[in-house]
């Protein structure tokens, strides 16, 4: 393998290879289409490297999503870019990434950049190239759009710090949920090396917030926070183990997001699970995203949703419905009296509709028609609520009875499961925004 910056191929040839290699870094939803402008509007849509995400104010934005290089010194068994794979290796130069970003931006293809990378030569060398790219983008090209960059585990903390002052968001991939999984499939990586930059980014972010409070002119360090990604299904961890890891990351490292990536078999290796005839575990990934939403916005804890005796999510019902069915003693809930947190635990009621209920009932008693107008999904909520002491229909508070009726609502499941649609979660803090994938109502 040639460990050098390659210039033999054209810029577009590199873009095709390195945008395709970046598709396994979960962060946003690929557009998957080519569409030229018709002259009546502004902008076009290009398949290569363009992905969509949602900003905090609900806007759909486009990001250029690429690897700096698909060369890598590591031989992770699950990775298409592993050092032992016979794939075409190419690398951008910092100038080429800047050219792509600025030209795509001028044409209104994108509003930001998502930049990841294989490890070229060593972590310090790779991190220095990423820093050089971002420095040129910010200070030479005067690019002020959104930038999400990967921090390379094992790189010098000074390089990570300098890069963090140029990026909006930084992420360090956990890769696999447990240290045992890393030893099995990524023996060149260690949990210690992965957590060290994550802790460093957390500490520097806290210091920076304090400096900004004292000196308003202080530069901002990773203002959009940090995130991480775990591969699901490549190793035998249960959902309970994975969710506990995610909960610990949120609590100990102040992470904004944990992304879950269903294992896609791109290599032949005896250490990898055989998914012949099964396909990637997309439905399992979907349930983990729903549970993650419950942890972050609905005040649930991992131990409430799963335990050692019940370690995996029910693939037929979402985690919130499962919790409610296992705690029927807490229901039905009276809509006109229940507090906000209890309303959040009712299937069919989300953060927005719960807030609307609390505000509206100050003006008078609410009925089922009012709830429908507020966005409550009554086909799920009706088994768990009363309005003025009455249920919507005569309902048996019986687990089997309610389960059968909930299954008849035909919940929308991920693509690949009964042919229904699936959408990945976004990069940003997008509580309740479209495309968030956290449909817990």
Protein backbone atom coordinates (compact mmCIF):
# COMPACT_ATOMS: atom_id res chain seq x y z
CA UNK A 1 0.00 0.00 0.00
CA UNK A 2 1.36 3.41 -0.98
CA UNK A 3 1.22 5.79 1.95
CA UNK A 4 1.35 9.13 0.13
CA UNK A 5 -0.94 11.83 -1.17
CA UNK A 6 -1.99 10.72 -4.65
CA UNK A 7 -2.35 13.14 -7.54
CA UNK A 8 -2.52 10.80 -10.54
CA UNK A 9 -6.31 10.65 -10.77
CA UNK A 10 -8.61 13.50 -11.65
CA UNK A 11 -10.45 15.33 -8.92
CA UNK A 12 -13.83 13.91 -9.98
CA UNK A 13 -12.42 10.33 -10.07
CA UNK A 14 -11.16 10.79 -6.51
CA UNK A 15 -14.51 12.22 -5.49
CA UNK A 16 -16.37 9.17 -6.80
CA UNK A 17 -14.10 6.78 -4.90
CA UNK A 18 -13.86 8.70 -1.62
CA UNK A 19 -17.51 9.71 -1.43
CA UNK A 20 -18.49 6.06 -1.91
CA UNK A 21 -15.97 5.01 0.76
CA UNK A 22 -17.53 7.52 3.19
CA UNK A 23 -21.03 6.04 3.00
CA UNK A 24 -20.43 3.78 6.02
CA UNK A 25 -19.80 6.78 8.28
CA UNK A 26 -23.30 7.32 9.63
CA UNK A 27 -24.21 10.95 9.96
CA UNK A 28 -26.99 11.89 7.61
CA UNK A 29 -29.13 10.70 4.73
CA UNK A 30 -27.63 10.39 1.23
CA UNK A 31 -29.57 12.07 -1.57
CA UNK A 32 -29.00 9.25 -4.04
CA UNK A 33 -30.16 11.32 -7.03
CA UNK A 34 -28.79 13.56 -9.78
CA UNK A 35 -31.02 16.53 -10.62
CA UNK A 36 -30.12 19.56 -12.74
CA UNK A 37 -31.74 22.91 -12.14
CA UNK A 38 -34.48 23.91 -14.58
CA UNK A 39 -33.55 27.58 -14.57
CA UNK A 40 -36.45 28.72 -12.43
CA UNK A 41 -34.75 28.13 -9.09
CA UNK A 42 -31.31 28.05 -7.46
CA UNK A 43 -29.18 24.94 -6.98
CA UNK A 44 -28.83 21.38 -8.20
CA UNK A 45 -28.57 17.92 -6.65
CA UNK A 46 -25.53 15.71 -7.26
CA UNK A 47 -25.34 12.08 -6.19
CA UNK A 48 -21.59 11.86 -5.52
CA UNK A 49 -20.80 12.90 -1.99
CA UNK A 50 -23.95 14.88 -1.26
CA UNK A 51 -25.95 14.01 1.83
CA UNK A 52 -28.82 15.70 3.66
CA UNK A 53 -29.20 16.66 7.29
CA UNK A 54 -31.46 18.89 9.38
CA UNK A 55 -30.35 22.00 11.22
CA UNK A 56 -31.60 22.99 14.66
CA UNK A 57 -34.17 25.34 13.12
CA UNK A 58 -35.66 22.55 10.98
CA UNK A 59 -34.07 23.43 7.63
CA UNK A 60 -32.92 20.59 5.38
CA UNK A 61 -29.30 21.26 4.46
CA UNK A 62 -26.82 19.47 2.19
CA UNK A 63 -23.32 18.40 3.19
CA UNK A 64 -20.37 17.22 1.12
CA UNK A 65 -19.57 13.87 2.75
CA UNK A 66 -16.15 12.45 1.86
CA UNK A 67 -13.08 10.65 3.17
CA UNK A 68 -9.78 12.48 2.93
CA UNK A 69 -8.22 9.13 2.05
CA UNK A 70 -9.29 5.49 1.91
CA UNK A 71 -5.76 4.35 2.62
CA UNK A 72 -5.43 2.95 6.13
CA UNK A 73 -2.75 1.32 8.24
CA UNK A 74 -5.36 -0.64 10.23
CA UNK A 75 -6.90 -3.97 9.25
CA UNK A 76 -10.34 -3.84 10.92
CA UNK A 77 -12.21 -6.94 9.77
CA UNK A 78 -15.52 -5.13 9.14
CA UNK A 79 -14.13 -2.19 7.15
CA UNK A 80 -14.11 -1.99 3.35
CA UNK A 81 -10.96 0.15 3.58
CA UNK A 82 -8.99 -2.33 5.71
CA UNK A 83 -5.30 -2.50 4.79
CA UNK A 84 -5.53 -6.09 3.51
CA UNK A 85 -8.36 -5.35 1.04
CA UNK A 86 -7.51 -5.09 -2.63
CA UNK A 87 -9.32 -1.82 -3.34
CA UNK A 88 -8.27 1.22 -5.33
CA UNK A 89 -6.53 3.63 -2.96
CA UNK A 90 -6.67 7.39 -3.45
CA UNK A 91 -6.21 10.50 -1.35
CA UNK A 92 -7.21 14.11 -1.66
CA UNK A 93 -4.84 16.96 -0.98
CA UNK A 94 -5.96 19.77 1.34
CA UNK A 95 -6.24 22.06 -1.70
CA UNK A 96 -8.48 19.56 -3.49
CA UNK A 97 -10.89 19.30 -0.56
CA UNK A 98 -11.03 23.10 -0.42
CA UNK A 99 -11.66 23.31 -4.18
CA UNK A 100 -14.48 20.77 -4.00
CA UNK A 101 -16.09 22.41 -0.99
CA UNK A 102 -15.95 25.94 -2.38
CA UNK A 103 -17.05 25.01 -5.90
CA UNK A 104 -19.95 22.91 -4.61
CA UNK A 105 -20.90 25.72 -2.26
CA UNK A 106 -20.82 28.36 -5.01
CA UNK A 107 -23.13 26.20 -7.09
CA UNK A 108 -25.50 25.85 -4.13
CA UNK A 109 -25.00 22.08 -4.01
CA UNK A 110 -24.01 22.14 -0.32
CA UNK A 111 -24.07 24.19 2.84
CA UNK A 112 -21.33 22.35 4.72
CA UNK A 113 -18.68 19.62 4.83
CA UNK A 114 -18.49 16.22 6.55
CA UNK A 115 -14.84 15.09 6.48
CA UNK A 116 -13.64 11.70 7.69
CA UNK A 117 -10.52 9.71 6.83
CA UNK A 118 -8.65 6.45 6.92
CA UNK A 119 -5.39 6.54 8.86
CA UNK A 120 -2.57 7.48 6.48
CA UNK A 121 0.95 6.61 7.75
CA UNK A 122 0.04 7.31 11.41
CA UNK A 123 -2.61 9.19 13.42
CA UNK A 124 -0.53 12.38 13.77
CA UNK A 125 0.18 12.60 10.04
CA UNK A 126 -3.51 12.13 9.20
CA UNK A 127 -4.73 14.61 11.82
CA UNK A 128 -2.23 17.19 10.59
CA UNK A 129 -3.62 16.84 7.05
CA UNK A 130 -7.17 17.30 8.33
CA UNK A 131 -6.08 20.37 10.28
CA UNK A 132 -4.31 21.80 7.22
CA UNK A 133 -7.48 21.28 5.18
CA UNK A 134 -9.74 23.03 7.68
CA UNK A 135 -7.25 25.84 8.22
CA UNK A 136 -7.11 26.55 4.50
CA UNK A 137 -10.90 26.38 4.23
CA UNK A 138 -11.45 28.85 7.07
CA UNK A 139 -8.56 31.29 6.62
CA UNK A 140 -7.67 31.16 2.93
CA UNK A 141 -11.03 30.35 1.33
CA UNK A 142 -13.00 32.19 4.06
CA UNK A 143 -15.51 29.36 4.24
CA UNK A 144 -17.95 29.97 7.10
CA UNK A 145 -20.28 27.04 6.54
CA UNK A 146 -20.78 24.01 8.74
CA UNK A 147 -17.87 21.55 9.13
CA UNK A 148 -17.99 18.18 10.85
CA UNK A 149 -14.61 16.45 11.13
CA UNK A 150 -13.42 13.16 12.58
CA UNK A 151 -10.79 13.18 15.31
CA UNK A 152 -8.22 10.42 14.81
CA UNK A 153 -7.65 8.29 17.95
CA UNK A 154 -3.99 8.29 18.92
CA UNK A 155 -3.27 11.70 17.39
CA UNK A 156 -1.49 14.40 19.37
CA UNK A 157 -3.92 16.37 21.54
CA UNK A 158 -2.49 19.66 20.29
CA UNK A 159 -3.54 18.76 16.72
CA UNK A 160 -7.02 17.80 17.90
CA UNK A 161 -7.31 21.08 19.80
CA UNK A 162 -6.23 23.20 16.83
CA UNK A 163 -8.65 21.35 14.55
CA UNK A 164 -11.46 21.75 17.09
CA UNK A 165 -11.23 25.54 16.86
CA UNK A 166 -11.88 25.28 13.11
CA UNK A 167 -14.69 22.70 13.16
CA UNK A 168 -18.31 23.00 14.24
CA UNK A 169 -18.64 19.38 15.31
CA UNK A 170 -16.06 16.69 15.98
CA UNK A 171 -16.59 12.97 16.37
CA UNK A 172 -14.57 9.96 17.47
CA UNK A 173 -15.98 6.63 16.36
CA UNK A 174 -16.44 4.02 19.12
CA UNK A 175 -16.56 1.47 16.26
CA UNK A 176 -17.89 -1.39 18.43
CA UNK A 177 -19.84 -1.28 21.71
CA UNK A 178 -17.39 -3.24 23.88
CA UNK A 179 -13.65 -3.70 24.35
CA UNK A 180 -14.12 -7.40 23.63
CA UNK A 181 -15.63 -6.58 20.25
CA UNK A 182 -12.68 -4.33 19.42
CA UNK A 183 -10.19 -7.06 20.31
CA UNK A 184 -12.03 -9.49 18.05
CA UNK A 185 -12.59 -7.31 14.96
CA UNK A 186 -10.24 -4.31 15.33
CA UNK A 187 -7.17 -5.59 17.21
CA UNK A 188 -5.08 -2.54 16.21
CA UNK A 189 -7.48 -0.22 18.06
CA UNK A 190 -8.10 0.08 21.79
CA UNK A 191 -10.90 1.47 23.91
CA UNK A 192 -8.38 3.63 25.79
CA UNK A 193 -7.17 5.33 22.58
CA UNK A 194 -10.77 5.97 21.48
CA UNK A 195 -11.98 7.42 24.79
CA UNK A 196 -8.91 9.63 25.32
CA UNK A 197 -9.70 12.16 22.52
CA UNK A 198 -13.37 12.01 23.47
CA UNK A 199 -12.49 13.06 27.02
CA UNK A 200 -10.09 15.71 25.71
CA UNK A 201 -12.76 17.28 23.49
CA UNK A 202 -15.19 17.31 26.44
CA UNK A 203 -12.68 19.03 28.74
CA UNK A 204 -11.64 21.61 26.15
CA UNK A 205 -15.28 22.36 25.35
CA UNK A 206 -16.00 23.07 29.01
CA UNK A 207 -12.89 25.27 29.32
CA UNK A 208 -13.85 27.13 26.17
CA UNK A 209 -17.38 27.84 27.41
CA UNK A 210 -15.88 29.35 30.55
CA UNK A 211 -13.47 31.49 28.51
CA UNK A 212 -16.29 32.74 26.28
CA UNK A 213 -18.27 33.70 29.39
CA UNK A 214 -15.30 35.80 30.54
CA UNK A 215 -14.03 37.05 27.18
CA UNK A 216 -16.71 37.24 24.52
CA UNK A 217 -14.10 37.44 21.76
CA UNK A 218 -12.66 34.00 22.58
CA UNK A 219 -12.73 31.53 19.62
CA UNK A 220 -15.26 28.73 19.88
CA UNK A 221 -14.10 25.11 20.28
CA UNK A 222 -16.36 22.50 18.64
CA UNK A 223 -19.50 24.62 19.23
CA UNK A 224 -21.89 21.94 17.93
CA UNK A 225 -20.44 19.35 20.34
CA UNK A 226 -19.18 15.85 19.65
CA UNK A 227 -20.78 12.60 18.52
CA UNK A 228 -19.79 8.98 17.95
CA UNK A 229 -20.83 5.89 16.01
CA UNK A 230 -21.20 2.20 16.91
CA UNK A 231 -21.56 -0.73 14.51
CA UNK A 232 -24.52 -2.90 15.44
CA UNK A 233 -24.67 -6.62 14.73
CA UNK A 234 -21.02 -7.33 13.92
CA UNK A 235 -20.42 -8.59 17.47
CA UNK A 236 -22.77 -10.44 19.85
CA UNK A 237 -23.63 -7.59 22.29
CA UNK A 238 -27.26 -7.35 23.34
CA UNK A 239 -29.40 -4.22 22.98
CA UNK A 240 -29.18 -3.86 26.77
CA UNK A 241 -25.37 -3.69 26.61
CA UNK A 242 -25.41 -1.26 23.68
CA UNK A 243 -27.95 1.04 25.33
CA UNK A 244 -25.98 1.09 28.58
CA UNK A 245 -22.84 2.08 26.66
CA UNK A 246 -24.76 4.90 24.96
CA UNK A 247 -26.20 6.10 28.27
CA UNK A 248 -22.73 6.15 29.83
CA UNK A 249 -21.36 8.15 26.87
CA UNK A 250 -24.09 10.76 27.22
CA UNK A 251 -23.52 11.11 30.95
CA UNK A 252 -19.72 10.94 31.11
CA UNK A 253 -18.65 12.63 27.87
CA UNK A 254 -21.45 15.14 27.17
CA UNK A 255 -22.05 13.67 23.72
CA UNK A 256 -24.66 15.27 21.49
CA UNK A 257 -25.44 12.12 19.54
CA UNK A 258 -24.67 8.43 19.40
CA UNK A 259 -25.17 7.01 15.91
CA UNK A 260 -25.95 3.32 15.38
CA UNK A 261 -24.86 1.70 12.11
CA UNK A 262 -26.33 -1.67 11.13
CA UNK A 263 -23.50 -4.03 10.20
CA UNK A 264 -23.13 -4.36 6.43
CA UNK A 265 -21.04 -7.39 5.34
CA UNK A 266 -18.49 -5.96 2.88
CA UNK A 267 -15.67 -8.42 3.67
CA UNK A 268 -15.35 -12.20 3.86
CA UNK A 269 -13.94 -13.09 7.26
CA UNK A 270 -14.64 -16.00 9.60
CA UNK A 271 -14.81 -13.58 12.55
CA UNK A 272 -17.78 -11.75 11.00
CA UNK A 273 -21.40 -12.95 11.32
CA UNK A 274 -22.99 -14.62 8.30
CA UNK A 275 -25.96 -12.52 7.17
CA UNK A 276 -26.73 -14.55 4.05
CA UNK A 277 -30.43 -14.21 3.30
CA UNK A 278 -30.93 -11.83 6.24
CA UNK A 279 -29.46 -8.49 5.21
CA UNK A 280 -28.26 -5.76 7.60
CA UNK A 281 -30.14 -5.58 10.94
CA UNK A 282 -31.88 -2.32 10.02
CA UNK A 283 -34.93 -2.93 12.19
CA UNK A 284 -32.73 -3.52 15.22
CA UNK A 285 -30.87 -0.29 14.42
CA UNK A 286 -34.21 1.50 14.20
CA UNK A 287 -35.30 0.29 17.66
CA UNK A 288 -31.99 1.44 19.15
CA UNK A 289 -32.48 4.89 17.66
CA UNK A 290 -35.98 5.03 19.15
CA UNK A 291 -34.65 3.97 22.56
CA UNK A 292 -31.84 6.52 22.26
CA UNK A 293 -34.49 9.20 21.67
CA UNK A 294 -36.21 8.08 24.89
CA UNK A 295 -32.94 8.48 26.82
CA UNK A 296 -32.23 11.97 25.50
CA UNK A 297 -35.65 13.62 25.44
CA UNK A 298 -38.17 11.49 27.34
CA UNK A 299 -36.36 11.08 30.68
CA UNK A 300 -36.09 7.28 30.44
CA UNK A 301 -33.13 5.27 31.69
CA UNK A 302 -31.64 2.21 30.00
CA UNK A 303 -32.54 0.01 32.97
CA UNK A 304 -36.22 0.92 32.56
CA UNK A 305 -36.33 -0.27 28.97
CA UNK A 306 -34.29 -3.50 29.15
CA UNK A 307 -32.61 -5.76 31.68
CA UNK A 308 -30.52 -8.94 31.76
CA UNK A 309 -33.64 -11.12 31.65
CA UNK A 310 -35.06 -9.13 28.72
CA UNK A 311 -31.90 -7.95 26.90
CA UNK A 312 -33.22 -7.18 23.39
CA UNK A 313 -35.97 -4.96 22.00
CA UNK A 314 -39.18 -6.36 20.58
CA UNK A 315 -38.91 -5.89 16.82
CA UNK A 316 -42.70 -5.69 16.45
CA UNK A 317 -43.34 -2.81 18.87
CA UNK A 318 -41.39 0.35 19.60
CA UNK A 319 -39.60 0.58 23.00
CA UNK A 320 -42.05 3.10 24.44
CA UNK A 321 -45.06 0.88 23.72
CA UNK A 322 -43.22 -2.10 25.23
CA UNK A 323 -42.50 -0.14 28.41
CA UNK A 324 -46.15 0.93 28.70
CA UNK A 325 -47.41 -2.62 28.17
CA UNK A 326 -45.09 -3.85 30.93
CA UNK A 327 -46.32 -1.11 33.30
CA UNK A 328 -50.08 -1.17 32.85
CA UNK A 329 -50.41 -0.45 36.57
CA UNK A 330 -49.43 3.17 35.72
CA UNK A 331 -52.28 3.57 33.23
CA UNK A 332 -54.70 4.93 32.19
CA UNK A 333 -53.36 8.46 32.61
CA UNK A 334 -55.80 11.34 33.03
CA UNK A 335 -54.83 13.89 30.39
CA UNK A 336 -56.16 16.86 32.38
CA UNK A 337 -54.12 16.09 35.51
CA UNK A 338 -50.96 14.13 34.62
CA UNK A 339 -47.64 15.98 34.84
CA UNK A 340 -45.43 16.58 31.81
CA UNK A 341 -43.05 13.67 32.45
CA UNK A 342 -45.90 11.19 32.79
CA UNK A 343 -47.48 12.46 29.59
CA UNK A 344 -44.19 11.77 27.81
CA UNK A 345 -44.46 8.10 28.79
CA UNK A 346 -47.80 7.65 27.04
CA UNK A 347 -47.48 5.97 23.62
CA UNK A 348 -48.69 8.39 20.97
CA UNK A 349 -47.68 11.53 22.90
CA UNK A 350 -44.44 13.26 21.95
CA UNK A 351 -42.53 16.22 23.38
CA UNK A 352 -44.46 18.79 21.35
CA UNK A 353 -47.90 17.36 21.99
CA UNK A 354 -47.15 16.97 25.72
CA UNK A 355 -46.15 20.64 25.90
CA UNK A 356 -49.31 21.64 24.05
CA UNK A 357 -51.47 19.61 26.45
CA UNK A 358 -49.91 21.21 29.53
CA UNK A 359 -50.46 24.72 28.10
CA UNK A 360 -53.95 24.14 26.69
CA UNK A 361 -55.49 22.55 29.78
CA UNK A 362 -54.90 25.75 31.74
CA UNK A 363 -57.70 27.20 29.66
CA UNK A 364 -60.15 24.36 30.18
CA UNK A 365 -60.74 20.62 30.16
CA UNK A 366 -59.42 18.72 27.10
CA UNK A 367 -61.22 16.04 25.12
CA UNK A 368 -60.09 13.48 22.56
CA UNK A 369 -60.83 15.79 19.63
CA UNK A 370 -58.59 18.42 21.21
CA UNK A 371 -55.79 15.88 21.56
CA UNK A 372 -56.05 14.91 17.92
CA UNK A 373 -55.66 18.54 16.87
CA UNK A 374 -52.55 18.79 19.08
CA UNK A 375 -50.83 15.95 17.22
CA UNK A 376 -51.46 13.08 19.65
CA UNK A 377 -51.46 9.72 17.82
CA UNK A 378 -54.75 8.45 19.23
CA UNK A 379 -54.51 5.02 17.61
CA UNK A 380 -51.75 4.28 20.14
CA UNK A 381 -52.63 6.64 22.98
CA UNK A 382 -56.29 5.64 23.37
CA UNK A 383 -55.40 2.49 25.36
CA UNK A 384 -53.44 4.48 27.94
CA UNK A 385 -55.37 7.71 28.58
CA UNK A 386 -58.63 9.12 29.85
CA UNK A 387 -60.20 12.54 29.28
CA UNK A 388 -62.46 13.68 32.09
CA UNK A 389 -62.25 10.21 33.62
CA UNK A 390 -63.43 8.39 30.47
CA UNK A 391 -61.56 6.33 27.90
CA UNK A 392 -62.13 6.92 24.20
CA UNK A 393 -63.62 3.40 23.81
CA UNK A 394 -64.35 0.61 26.22
CA UNK A 395 -60.94 -1.03 26.56
CA UNK A 396 -59.63 -3.96 28.56
CA UNK A 397 -56.44 -3.11 30.43
CA UNK A 398 -54.97 -6.42 29.36
CA UNK A 399 -51.48 -6.76 27.89
CA UNK A 400 -52.36 -9.34 25.20
CA UNK A 401 -55.49 -7.45 24.12
CA UNK A 402 -53.68 -4.10 23.79
CA UNK A 403 -50.69 -5.70 22.07
CA UNK A 404 -52.88 -7.28 19.39
CA UNK A 405 -54.60 -3.95 18.74
CA UNK A 406 -51.32 -2.01 18.62
CA UNK A 407 -49.91 -4.45 16.07
CA UNK A 408 -52.96 -3.86 13.90
CA UNK A 409 -51.98 -0.19 13.59
CA UNK A 410 -49.21 -1.32 11.22
CA UNK A 411 -46.41 0.88 12.52
CA UNK A 412 -44.04 2.23 9.86
CA UNK A 413 -40.86 0.14 10.00
CA UNK A 414 -37.44 0.62 8.36
CA UNK A 415 -36.80 -0.05 4.72
CA UNK A 416 -36.14 -3.74 4.21
CA UNK A 417 -38.79 -4.65 6.77
CA UNK A 418 -42.09 -5.25 4.99
CA UNK A 419 -41.01 -2.78 2.30
CA UNK A 420 -41.64 0.27 4.46
CA UNK A 421 -39.61 3.45 4.55
CA UNK A 422 -36.57 4.28 6.67
CA UNK A 423 -34.69 7.51 7.34
CA UNK A 424 -31.39 7.99 9.14
CA UNK A 425 -30.99 10.41 12.05
CA UNK A 426 -29.41 13.81 11.52
CA UNK A 427 -26.17 15.38 12.69
CA UNK A 428 -27.73 18.17 14.73
CA UNK A 429 -29.73 18.76 17.86
CA UNK A 430 -33.04 18.19 16.11
CA UNK A 431 -35.56 17.57 18.85
CA UNK A 432 -38.77 16.83 17.04
CA UNK A 433 -37.46 18.02 13.65
CA UNK A 434 -38.41 16.24 10.42
CA UNK A 435 -36.22 13.33 9.48
CA UNK A 436 -35.01 12.87 13.03
CA UNK A 437 -35.97 9.22 13.02
CA UNK A 438 -36.90 9.39 16.69
CA UNK A 439 -40.61 8.94 16.25
CA UNK A 440 -41.57 8.16 19.81
CA UNK A 441 -45.08 9.58 19.70
